[in-house]
N, C-alpha and C. Protein backbone atom coordinates (compact mmCIF):
# COMPACT_ATOMS: atom_id res chain seq x y z
N UNK A 1 -26.14 -136.70 -61.50
CA UNK A 1 -26.97 -137.17 -61.16
C UNK A 1 -28.49 -136.65 -62.10
N UNK A 2 -29.09 -136.97 -63.04
CA UNK A 2 -29.79 -136.39 -63.68
C UNK A 2 -31.27 -135.61 -63.08
N UNK A 3 -31.65 -134.65 -63.03
CA UNK A 3 -32.72 -134.38 -62.73
C UNK A 3 -33.81 -134.72 -63.83
N UNK A 4 -35.17 -134.91 -63.07
CA UNK A 4 -36.20 -135.63 -63.69
C UNK A 4 -36.83 -134.14 -64.12
N UNK A 5 -37.24 -133.65 -65.51
CA UNK A 5 -38.05 -132.65 -65.78
C UNK A 5 -39.34 -133.05 -66.15
N UNK A 6 -39.87 -131.51 -65.12
CA UNK A 6 -41.28 -131.54 -64.76
C UNK A 6 -42.15 -130.74 -66.11
N UNK A 7 -41.95 -131.54 -66.90
CA UNK A 7 -43.56 -131.36 -67.59
C UNK A 7 -44.30 -131.80 -68.21
N UNK A 8 -45.14 -131.11 -68.12
CA UNK A 8 -46.91 -131.81 -68.17
C UNK A 8 -46.78 -132.52 -69.81
N UNK A 9 -47.31 -134.01 -69.57
CA UNK A 9 -46.93 -134.76 -71.18
C UNK A 9 -49.01 -134.20 -71.33
N UNK A 10 -49.04 -134.85 -73.07
CA UNK A 10 -49.66 -134.59 -73.83
C UNK A 10 -49.78 -136.29 -74.45
N UNK A 11 -51.42 -136.34 -74.71
CA UNK A 11 -51.24 -137.94 -75.71
C UNK A 11 -50.42 -137.79 -76.47
N UNK A 12 -50.12 -137.11 -76.75
CA UNK A 12 -49.03 -137.67 -78.34
C UNK A 12 -47.46 -137.84 -77.32
N UNK A 13 -47.10 -137.40 -76.81
CA UNK A 13 -45.34 -137.34 -75.87
C UNK A 13 -45.58 -138.68 -74.56
N UNK A 14 -44.26 -139.29 -74.78
CA UNK A 14 -43.79 -140.27 -73.72
C UNK A 14 -43.91 -139.64 -72.47
N UNK A 15 -44.46 -139.79 -71.38
CA UNK A 15 -43.96 -138.86 -69.98
C UNK A 15 -42.27 -138.67 -70.17
N UNK A 16 -41.84 -137.62 -69.46
CA UNK A 16 -40.56 -137.26 -69.55
C UNK A 16 -39.34 -138.58 -68.62
N UNK A 17 -39.55 -139.19 -67.80
CA UNK A 17 -39.20 -140.08 -66.98
C UNK A 17 -39.02 -141.05 -68.23
N UNK A 18 -39.88 -141.64 -68.71
CA UNK A 18 -39.54 -142.52 -69.69
C UNK A 18 -39.06 -142.06 -70.98
N UNK A 19 -38.98 -140.68 -70.97
CA UNK A 19 -37.88 -140.07 -72.19
C UNK A 19 -36.14 -139.97 -71.76
N UNK A 20 -36.35 -139.97 -70.40
CA UNK A 20 -34.67 -139.65 -69.87
C UNK A 20 -34.25 -140.99 -69.44
N UNK A 21 -34.83 -141.92 -69.17
CA UNK A 21 -34.24 -143.06 -68.47
C UNK A 21 -34.91 -144.44 -69.03
N UNK A 22 -35.46 -144.64 -70.42
CA UNK A 22 -35.63 -146.00 -71.70
C UNK A 22 -34.29 -147.06 -71.49
N UNK A 23 -33.48 -145.40 -71.96
CA UNK A 23 -32.29 -146.71 -72.37
C UNK A 23 -31.98 -147.61 -70.97
N UNK A 24 -32.23 -147.04 -69.82
CA UNK A 24 -31.79 -147.98 -68.65
C UNK A 24 -32.40 -149.12 -68.24
N UNK A 25 -33.60 -149.42 -69.17
CA UNK A 25 -34.37 -150.34 -69.06
C UNK A 25 -33.35 -151.88 -69.02
N UNK A 26 -33.18 -152.39 -67.77
CA UNK A 26 -32.68 -154.19 -67.90
C UNK A 26 -31.00 -153.77 -67.36
N UNK A 27 -30.88 -152.84 -66.78
CA UNK A 27 -29.87 -153.03 -65.80
C UNK A 27 -30.16 -152.38 -64.46
N UNK A 28 -28.89 -152.91 -63.60
CA UNK A 28 -29.04 -152.26 -62.39
C UNK A 28 -29.01 -150.89 -62.05
N UNK A 29 -29.60 -150.16 -61.26
CA UNK A 29 -30.12 -148.70 -61.38
C UNK A 29 -30.14 -148.90 -59.77
N UNK A 30 -30.05 -146.96 -59.71
CA UNK A 30 -30.61 -146.66 -58.10
C UNK A 30 -31.70 -145.88 -58.46
N UNK A 31 -32.65 -145.71 -57.95
CA UNK A 31 -33.81 -144.38 -58.07
C UNK A 31 -33.97 -143.74 -56.86
N UNK A 32 -33.52 -142.61 -57.12
CA UNK A 32 -33.41 -141.72 -56.46
C UNK A 32 -34.69 -140.84 -55.92
N UNK A 33 -35.00 -140.65 -54.42
CA UNK A 33 -36.37 -140.46 -54.75
C UNK A 33 -36.37 -138.82 -53.88
N UNK A 34 -37.69 -137.75 -54.09
CA UNK A 34 -37.89 -136.94 -53.05
C UNK A 34 -37.54 -136.86 -51.78
N UNK A 35 -38.17 -137.64 -51.09
CA UNK A 35 -37.69 -137.98 -49.98
C UNK A 35 -36.66 -138.06 -49.21
N UNK A 36 -35.62 -137.84 -50.19
CA UNK A 36 -33.91 -138.53 -50.11
C UNK A 36 -33.71 -139.97 -49.72
N UNK A 37 -34.83 -140.42 -49.71
CA UNK A 37 -34.37 -142.15 -49.59
C UNK A 37 -33.86 -142.61 -51.16
N UNK A 38 -33.94 -143.84 -50.66
CA UNK A 38 -33.41 -144.49 -52.75
C UNK A 38 -33.68 -145.50 -52.55
N UNK A 39 -34.03 -146.37 -53.78
CA UNK A 39 -34.30 -147.83 -54.04
C UNK A 39 -33.40 -148.36 -55.07
N UNK A 40 -32.78 -149.96 -54.61
CA UNK A 40 -31.56 -150.38 -55.53
C UNK A 40 -32.23 -151.91 -56.19
N UNK A 41 -32.20 -151.54 -57.43
CA UNK A 41 -32.92 -153.17 -58.05
C UNK A 41 -32.78 -152.46 -59.99
N UNK A 42 -33.06 -153.88 -60.36
CA UNK A 42 -32.92 -153.97 -61.70
C UNK A 42 -34.22 -153.73 -62.09
N UNK A 43 -33.83 -152.21 -62.84
CA UNK A 43 -34.89 -151.66 -63.83
C UNK A 43 -35.78 -152.82 -64.52
N UNK A 44 -36.95 -152.72 -64.43
CA UNK A 44 -38.14 -153.61 -65.02
C UNK A 44 -38.72 -152.86 -66.37
N UNK A 45 -39.36 -151.80 -65.69
CA UNK A 45 -40.26 -151.21 -66.74
C UNK A 45 -40.17 -149.81 -66.41
N UNK A 46 -40.62 -149.11 -67.33
CA UNK A 46 -41.43 -147.77 -67.10
C UNK A 46 -42.52 -146.92 -67.79
N UNK A 47 -43.67 -146.98 -67.13
CA UNK A 47 -44.82 -146.78 -67.88
C UNK A 47 -44.90 -145.31 -68.91
N UNK A 48 -44.79 -144.81 -70.34
CA UNK A 48 -44.61 -144.66 -71.04
C UNK A 48 -45.67 -142.87 -70.69
N UNK A 49 -46.62 -143.85 -70.49
CA UNK A 49 -47.38 -142.86 -70.13
C UNK A 49 -48.20 -142.34 -68.99
N UNK A 50 -47.55 -142.32 -67.64
CA UNK A 50 -47.53 -141.80 -66.18
C UNK A 50 -46.14 -141.72 -65.79
N UNK A 51 -44.89 -142.48 -66.11
CA UNK A 51 -43.94 -142.26 -65.74
C UNK A 51 -43.79 -143.88 -64.23
N UNK A 52 -44.42 -144.04 -63.94
CA UNK A 52 -44.18 -145.07 -63.09
C UNK A 52 -42.94 -146.24 -63.31
N UNK A 53 -42.42 -146.51 -62.34
CA UNK A 53 -41.06 -147.34 -62.71
C UNK A 53 -41.32 -148.15 -61.34
N UNK A 54 -40.61 -149.83 -62.36
CA UNK A 54 -40.23 -151.16 -61.92
C UNK A 54 -39.55 -151.82 -61.49
N UNK A 55 -38.99 -151.59 -60.27
CA UNK A 55 -38.29 -152.24 -60.14
C UNK A 55 -37.93 -153.56 -59.23
N UNK A 56 -36.91 -154.64 -59.85
CA UNK A 56 -37.00 -156.15 -59.17
C UNK A 56 -35.73 -156.06 -58.34
N UNK A 57 -35.55 -156.33 -57.39
CA UNK A 57 -34.93 -156.67 -56.22
C UNK A 57 -34.67 -157.97 -55.87
N UNK A 58 -33.38 -159.10 -56.03
CA UNK A 58 -32.89 -160.15 -55.44
C UNK A 58 -33.12 -159.91 -54.00
N UNK A 59 -33.49 -160.60 -52.83
CA UNK A 59 -33.35 -161.07 -51.75
C UNK A 59 -32.58 -162.25 -51.31
N UNK A 60 -31.28 -161.96 -51.69
CA UNK A 60 -30.74 -163.74 -51.13
C UNK A 60 -31.15 -164.38 -49.38
N UNK A 61 -31.51 -163.68 -49.10
CA UNK A 61 -31.76 -164.26 -47.45
C UNK A 61 -33.10 -164.75 -47.50
N UNK A 62 -33.59 -165.22 -48.22
CA UNK A 62 -35.17 -165.56 -48.72
C UNK A 62 -35.29 -166.77 -48.87
N UNK A 63 -34.33 -167.85 -48.58
CA UNK A 63 -34.38 -168.92 -49.70
C UNK A 63 -33.90 -169.36 -50.61
N UNK A 64 -32.70 -168.17 -50.80
CA UNK A 64 -32.46 -167.95 -52.46
C UNK A 64 -33.68 -168.15 -53.19
N UNK A 65 -34.53 -167.44 -53.07
CA UNK A 65 -35.61 -167.91 -54.01
C UNK A 65 -36.51 -166.18 -54.76
N UNK A 66 -36.76 -165.26 -53.38
CA UNK A 66 -37.29 -163.99 -53.69
C UNK A 66 -36.94 -162.61 -54.41
N UNK A 67 -37.83 -162.81 -55.15
CA UNK A 67 -37.33 -161.17 -55.94
C UNK A 67 -38.53 -160.50 -56.14
N UNK A 68 -38.22 -159.13 -54.99
CA UNK A 68 -39.16 -158.33 -54.53
C UNK A 68 -39.83 -157.44 -55.68
N UNK A 69 -40.76 -156.69 -55.58
CA UNK A 69 -41.39 -155.38 -57.26
C UNK A 69 -41.68 -154.80 -56.22
N UNK A 70 -40.58 -153.62 -56.36
CA UNK A 70 -40.91 -152.53 -56.23
C UNK A 70 -41.91 -151.50 -57.38
N UNK A 71 -42.82 -151.19 -57.02
CA UNK A 71 -43.54 -149.69 -58.27
C UNK A 71 -42.58 -148.14 -57.33
N UNK A 72 -42.71 -147.48 -58.36
CA UNK A 72 -41.74 -145.92 -57.64
C UNK A 72 -43.19 -145.04 -58.74
N UNK A 73 -43.50 -144.38 -57.79
CA UNK A 73 -44.59 -143.31 -58.81
C UNK A 73 -43.84 -142.65 -59.25
N UNK A 74 -44.38 -142.07 -60.17
CA UNK A 74 -43.18 -140.83 -61.05
C UNK A 74 -43.09 -139.63 -60.23
N UNK A 75 -43.95 -139.29 -59.73
CA UNK A 75 -44.18 -137.84 -58.72
C UNK A 75 -42.98 -138.06 -57.64
N UNK A 76 -42.57 -139.25 -56.93
CA UNK A 76 -41.64 -139.37 -55.93
C UNK A 76 -40.00 -139.05 -56.69
N UNK A 77 -40.26 -139.79 -57.66
CA UNK A 77 -38.58 -140.03 -58.65
C UNK A 77 -37.64 -138.59 -58.55
N UNK A 78 -36.61 -138.44 -58.14
CA UNK A 78 -36.00 -137.43 -58.53
C UNK A 78 -35.04 -137.47 -59.93
N UNK A 79 -34.51 -138.87 -59.36
CA UNK A 79 -33.47 -139.30 -60.09
C UNK A 79 -33.13 -140.80 -60.95
N UNK A 80 -32.50 -141.39 -61.34
CA UNK A 80 -32.03 -142.37 -61.77
C UNK A 80 -31.58 -143.09 -62.50
N UNK A 81 -30.87 -143.36 -61.52
CA UNK A 81 -28.87 -143.78 -62.44
C UNK A 81 -28.38 -145.10 -62.55
N UNK A 82 -27.46 -145.19 -63.02
CA UNK A 82 -27.15 -146.57 -63.67
C UNK A 82 -26.12 -146.91 -61.87
N UNK A 83 -26.55 -148.26 -61.87
CA UNK A 83 -25.82 -148.57 -60.38
C UNK A 83 -24.38 -149.05 -60.65
N UNK A 84 -23.15 -148.35 -60.17
CA UNK A 84 -21.75 -148.35 -60.49
C UNK A 84 -21.41 -149.74 -59.42
N UNK A 85 -21.99 -150.35 -58.23
CA UNK A 85 -21.52 -150.67 -57.50
C UNK A 85 -22.46 -151.97 -57.44
N UNK A 86 -21.55 -153.20 -58.14
CA UNK A 86 -21.25 -154.15 -58.74
C UNK A 86 -22.16 -155.10 -57.82
N UNK A 87 -21.93 -155.09 -56.91
CA UNK A 87 -22.18 -156.14 -55.54
C UNK A 87 -23.43 -156.04 -54.93
N UNK A 88 -23.90 -154.52 -55.03
CA UNK A 88 -25.61 -154.48 -54.98
C UNK A 88 -26.50 -155.03 -55.64
N UNK A 89 -26.55 -155.22 -57.02
CA UNK A 89 -27.92 -155.16 -57.73
C UNK A 89 -27.30 -156.89 -58.42
N UNK A 90 -27.75 -157.95 -58.84
CA UNK A 90 -27.18 -158.65 -59.17
C UNK A 90 -28.31 -159.08 -60.37
N UNK A 91 -27.98 -158.07 -61.32
CA UNK A 91 -29.47 -158.31 -62.60
C UNK A 91 -29.60 -159.82 -63.22
N UNK A 92 -28.33 -160.14 -63.82
CA UNK A 92 -28.79 -162.18 -64.23
C UNK A 92 -29.32 -162.74 -62.97
N UNK A 93 -28.90 -162.57 -61.95
CA UNK A 93 -29.32 -163.97 -60.97
C UNK A 93 -31.12 -163.30 -61.07
N UNK A 94 -31.40 -162.12 -61.17
CA UNK A 94 -32.99 -161.74 -61.00
C UNK A 94 -33.36 -162.27 -62.13
N UNK A 95 -32.34 -161.83 -63.39
CA UNK A 95 -33.31 -162.97 -64.47
C UNK A 95 -33.30 -163.75 -64.60
N UNK A 96 -32.05 -165.12 -64.05
CA UNK A 96 -32.50 -166.53 -63.88
C UNK A 96 -33.71 -166.72 -63.27
N UNK A 97 -33.84 -165.91 -62.04
CA UNK A 97 -34.80 -166.30 -61.02
C UNK A 97 -36.37 -166.65 -61.69
N UNK A 98 -36.64 -165.34 -62.75
CA UNK A 98 -37.72 -164.66 -62.63
C UNK A 98 -37.64 -165.85 -64.78
N UNK A 99 -36.95 -166.05 -65.04
CA UNK A 99 -36.94 -167.24 -65.89
C UNK A 99 -37.24 -168.27 -65.17
N UNK A 100 -36.88 -169.01 -64.47
CA UNK A 100 -37.04 -170.24 -63.72
C UNK A 100 -38.80 -170.25 -63.43
N UNK A 101 -39.02 -169.39 -62.80
CA UNK A 101 -40.35 -168.86 -61.92
C UNK A 101 -41.36 -169.04 -62.93
N UNK A 102 -40.83 -168.75 -64.19
CA UNK A 102 -41.95 -168.39 -65.77
C UNK A 102 -42.14 -169.71 -66.48
N UNK A 103 -40.89 -170.45 -66.37
CA UNK A 103 -40.89 -172.10 -66.78
C UNK A 103 -41.84 -172.81 -65.78
N UNK A 104 -41.75 -173.06 -64.63
CA UNK A 104 -42.34 -173.48 -63.73
C UNK A 104 -43.73 -173.34 -64.14
N UNK A 105 -43.73 -172.44 -63.83
CA UNK A 105 -45.33 -172.01 -63.91
C UNK A 105 -46.30 -172.63 -65.30
N UNK A 106 -45.68 -172.82 -66.26
CA UNK A 106 -46.03 -172.78 -67.72
C UNK A 106 -46.04 -174.54 -67.83
N UNK A 107 -44.91 -174.94 -66.89
CA UNK A 107 -45.25 -176.52 -66.40
C UNK A 107 -45.94 -177.12 -66.21
N UNK A 108 -46.53 -176.19 -65.33
CA UNK A 108 -47.31 -177.03 -63.77
C UNK A 108 -48.83 -176.09 -63.75
N UNK A 109 -49.09 -174.99 -64.50
CA UNK A 109 -49.98 -174.54 -64.23
C UNK A 109 -51.04 -173.83 -65.14
N UNK A 110 -52.01 -174.31 -64.97
CA UNK A 110 -53.42 -173.93 -65.85
C UNK A 110 -54.18 -173.31 -65.82
N UNK A 111 -55.03 -171.99 -66.32
CA UNK A 111 -56.09 -171.71 -65.60
C UNK A 111 -57.11 -172.00 -64.51
N UNK A 112 -57.43 -173.78 -65.39
CA UNK A 112 -58.61 -174.19 -64.60
C UNK A 112 -57.77 -174.66 -63.68
N UNK A 113 -56.39 -175.12 -63.37
CA UNK A 113 -56.30 -175.64 -61.70
C UNK A 113 -55.75 -174.62 -60.94
N UNK A 114 -55.50 -173.81 -61.39
CA UNK A 114 -55.32 -172.59 -60.59
C UNK A 114 -56.56 -171.91 -59.80
N UNK A 115 -57.60 -172.00 -60.69
CA UNK A 115 -59.30 -171.08 -59.84
C UNK A 115 -59.44 -172.90 -58.89
N UNK A 116 -59.20 -173.67 -59.96
CA UNK A 116 -59.27 -174.43 -58.43
C UNK A 116 -58.44 -174.57 -57.14
N UNK A 117 -57.42 -174.46 -57.54
CA UNK A 117 -56.84 -173.87 -56.08
C UNK A 117 -56.50 -173.14 -55.52
N UNK A 118 -56.99 -171.85 -55.94
CA UNK A 118 -57.39 -170.77 -55.02
C UNK A 118 -58.97 -171.42 -54.71
N UNK A 119 -59.69 -172.01 -55.34
CA UNK A 119 -61.32 -172.21 -54.21
C UNK A 119 -61.33 -173.17 -53.18
N UNK A 120 -59.61 -174.07 -53.63
CA UNK A 120 -59.90 -175.27 -52.49
C UNK A 120 -59.50 -173.93 -51.02
N UNK A 121 -58.59 -172.54 -51.02
CA UNK A 121 -58.54 -171.88 -50.30
C UNK A 121 -59.27 -171.14 -49.95
N UNK A 122 -61.00 -171.12 -49.92
CA UNK A 122 -61.92 -170.46 -50.40
C UNK A 122 -61.43 -168.74 -50.77
N UNK A 123 -61.10 -169.01 -51.62
CA UNK A 123 -61.38 -167.68 -52.62
C UNK A 123 -61.61 -168.20 -54.11
N UNK A 124 -62.82 -167.51 -54.47
CA UNK A 124 -63.79 -167.82 -55.46
C UNK A 124 -63.06 -167.01 -56.88
N UNK A 125 -62.90 -167.09 -58.01
CA UNK A 125 -61.92 -166.53 -58.76
C UNK A 125 -62.75 -167.22 -59.84
N UNK A 126 -63.25 -166.41 -60.84
CA UNK A 126 -63.78 -166.72 -62.51
C UNK A 126 -63.05 -166.41 -63.48
N UNK A 127 -62.91 -167.37 -64.84
CA UNK A 127 -62.28 -166.63 -65.73
C UNK A 127 -62.75 -165.93 -66.35
N UNK A 128 -61.97 -164.89 -66.83
CA UNK A 128 -62.30 -163.31 -68.55
C UNK A 128 -62.16 -164.22 -69.76
N UNK A 129 -62.69 -164.50 -70.07
CA UNK A 129 -62.30 -165.57 -71.57
C UNK A 129 -62.23 -164.68 -72.36
N UNK A 130 -62.26 -163.40 -72.54
CA UNK A 130 -61.81 -162.54 -73.43
C UNK A 130 -60.03 -162.29 -73.01
N UNK A 131 -59.66 -161.56 -71.90
CA UNK A 131 -58.29 -162.15 -71.76
C UNK A 131 -57.80 -162.85 -71.48
N UNK A 132 -57.96 -163.68 -70.53
CA UNK A 132 -57.67 -165.13 -70.32
C UNK A 132 -56.61 -164.86 -68.78
N UNK A 133 -57.62 -163.79 -68.07
CA UNK A 133 -57.45 -163.71 -66.77
C UNK A 133 -58.32 -164.54 -65.88
N UNK A 134 -58.00 -164.21 -64.54
CA UNK A 134 -58.83 -165.01 -63.31
C UNK A 134 -59.28 -163.61 -62.66
N UNK A 135 -60.15 -163.02 -62.80
CA UNK A 135 -61.17 -162.70 -62.15
C UNK A 135 -61.10 -162.79 -60.26
N UNK A 136 -60.02 -162.13 -59.36
CA UNK A 136 -60.25 -162.77 -58.25
C UNK A 136 -61.39 -161.80 -56.87
N UNK A 137 -61.77 -162.00 -56.01
CA UNK A 137 -62.61 -161.22 -55.23
C UNK A 137 -63.85 -160.43 -56.20
N UNK A 138 -64.45 -160.77 -57.01
CA UNK A 138 -65.20 -160.17 -57.70
C UNK A 138 -64.65 -158.79 -58.21
N UNK A 139 -63.51 -158.78 -58.82
CA UNK A 139 -62.94 -158.31 -59.43
C UNK A 139 -61.50 -157.00 -58.91
N UNK A 140 -61.94 -157.61 -57.48
CA UNK A 140 -60.56 -157.25 -56.47
C UNK A 140 -58.91 -157.19 -57.10
N UNK A 141 -58.91 -158.35 -57.71
CA UNK A 141 -57.35 -158.36 -58.17
C UNK A 141 -57.59 -159.35 -59.20
N UNK A 142 -56.45 -159.21 -60.22
CA UNK A 142 -56.91 -160.23 -61.33
C UNK A 142 -55.26 -161.10 -61.53
N UNK A 143 -55.10 -162.26 -61.66
CA UNK A 143 -54.34 -162.56 -62.51
C UNK A 143 -53.92 -163.41 -64.02
N UNK A 144 -52.80 -162.42 -64.18
CA UNK A 144 -52.55 -162.29 -65.59
C UNK A 144 -51.28 -164.11 -66.21
N UNK A 145 -51.77 -164.39 -67.71
CA UNK A 145 -50.59 -165.11 -67.82
C UNK A 145 -49.12 -164.69 -67.71
N UNK A 146 -48.26 -165.72 -67.07
CA UNK A 146 -48.73 -166.80 -66.48
C UNK A 146 -48.76 -167.60 -65.46
N UNK A 147 -49.73 -166.52 -65.12
CA UNK A 147 -50.52 -166.82 -63.53
C UNK A 147 -49.39 -167.17 -62.25
N UNK A 148 -48.03 -166.64 -62.59
CA UNK A 148 -47.12 -166.81 -61.34
C UNK A 148 -47.45 -166.11 -60.24
N UNK A 149 -46.81 -165.83 -59.29
CA UNK A 149 -46.48 -165.29 -58.01
C UNK A 149 -46.34 -163.22 -58.53
N UNK A 150 -45.61 -163.29 -59.93
CA UNK A 150 -45.33 -161.90 -60.10
C UNK A 150 -46.16 -161.07 -61.61
N UNK A 151 -47.43 -161.82 -61.56
CA UNK A 151 -48.37 -161.34 -62.52
C UNK A 151 -49.79 -161.34 -61.58
N UNK A 152 -49.60 -160.76 -60.37
CA UNK A 152 -50.92 -160.09 -59.48
C UNK A 152 -51.47 -159.57 -59.59
N UNK A 153 -52.40 -158.36 -59.87
CA UNK A 153 -52.20 -157.20 -60.04
C UNK A 153 -53.62 -156.88 -58.60
N UNK A 154 -54.03 -156.19 -57.94
CA UNK A 154 -54.76 -155.87 -56.70
C UNK A 154 -54.22 -154.62 -56.48
N UNK A 155 -55.45 -153.84 -56.31
CA UNK A 155 -55.00 -152.38 -55.42
C UNK A 155 -54.55 -152.16 -53.91
N UNK A 156 -55.36 -153.24 -53.47
CA UNK A 156 -55.37 -153.57 -52.18
C UNK A 156 -53.84 -154.79 -51.08
N UNK A 157 -53.25 -154.29 -50.87
CA UNK A 157 -52.14 -154.74 -50.61
C UNK A 157 -52.18 -156.05 -49.83
N UNK A 158 -53.77 -156.06 -48.81
CA UNK A 158 -53.18 -157.28 -48.23
C UNK A 158 -53.65 -158.72 -49.68
N UNK A 159 -54.57 -158.36 -50.36
CA UNK A 159 -55.18 -158.93 -50.95
C UNK A 159 -53.86 -159.35 -52.01
N UNK A 160 -52.88 -158.21 -52.71
CA UNK A 160 -52.29 -158.51 -53.52
C UNK A 160 -51.00 -159.56 -52.72
N UNK A 161 -50.76 -159.33 -51.10
CA UNK A 161 -49.64 -160.46 -50.13
C UNK A 161 -50.00 -161.65 -50.16
N UNK A 162 -51.69 -161.63 -50.30
CA UNK A 162 -52.40 -163.60 -49.70
C UNK A 162 -52.62 -163.82 -50.92
N UNK A 163 -52.27 -163.52 -52.27
CA UNK A 163 -52.38 -164.11 -53.36
C UNK A 163 -50.73 -164.22 -54.22
N UNK A 164 -50.50 -163.39 -53.87
CA UNK A 164 -48.75 -163.78 -53.92
C UNK A 164 -48.39 -164.67 -53.39
N UNK A 165 -48.59 -165.05 -52.01
CA UNK A 165 -48.49 -166.06 -51.39
C UNK A 165 -48.87 -167.65 -51.58
N UNK A 166 -50.25 -167.43 -52.10
CA UNK A 166 -50.85 -168.67 -52.39
C UNK A 166 -50.25 -169.06 -53.57
N UNK A 167 -49.64 -168.29 -54.66
CA UNK A 167 -49.19 -168.51 -56.23
C UNK A 167 -47.55 -169.28 -56.14
N UNK A 168 -46.86 -168.57 -54.90
CA UNK A 168 -45.54 -169.39 -54.43
C UNK A 168 -45.72 -170.64 -54.00
N UNK A 169 -46.91 -171.13 -53.23
CA UNK A 169 -47.26 -172.70 -52.89
C UNK A 169 -47.20 -173.54 -54.00
N UNK A 170 -48.18 -172.60 -55.03
CA UNK A 170 -48.04 -173.25 -55.86
C UNK A 170 -47.33 -173.92 -57.30
N UNK A 171 -46.02 -172.73 -57.05
CA UNK A 171 -44.70 -172.91 -57.74
C UNK A 171 -43.56 -173.04 -56.34
N UNK A 172 -43.21 -174.52 -56.05
CA UNK A 172 -42.10 -174.28 -54.88
C UNK A 172 -41.39 -174.21 -55.77
């Protein structure tokens, strides 16, 4: 287990977590936390500026559809290791599910139709012409292309859950 270096970053260097674990992107990993807990999943991304990590976890019990997204803050990470337990994280299934969601989204969703769908559910949304994003709840959340359940960005968990569930309804 490799410990995360506790080094302050400057504008010219990437975060130590990014520098240490970037080669594991796309692999099944185990993220060990300072709280002695751990998370398993496919390592989707590491923010080079702040070291936050994004994991995808396959949830086969939920109608064989769900991929849960975990964001792990850099200060909570003790280490990241390649997952050697082959039965724990099926990266190929996660990739297939995400690819299928993206294709469904591109085929059936347009920006305007999604905005109308949200309005039918009493959610006011406007279109940002410069970024092609939907601005929801006056800026409390945004939905970026490809406008699916994985492209919602919100700081409030309730807003995030509600928008994610509505977008799942758009992409059965």
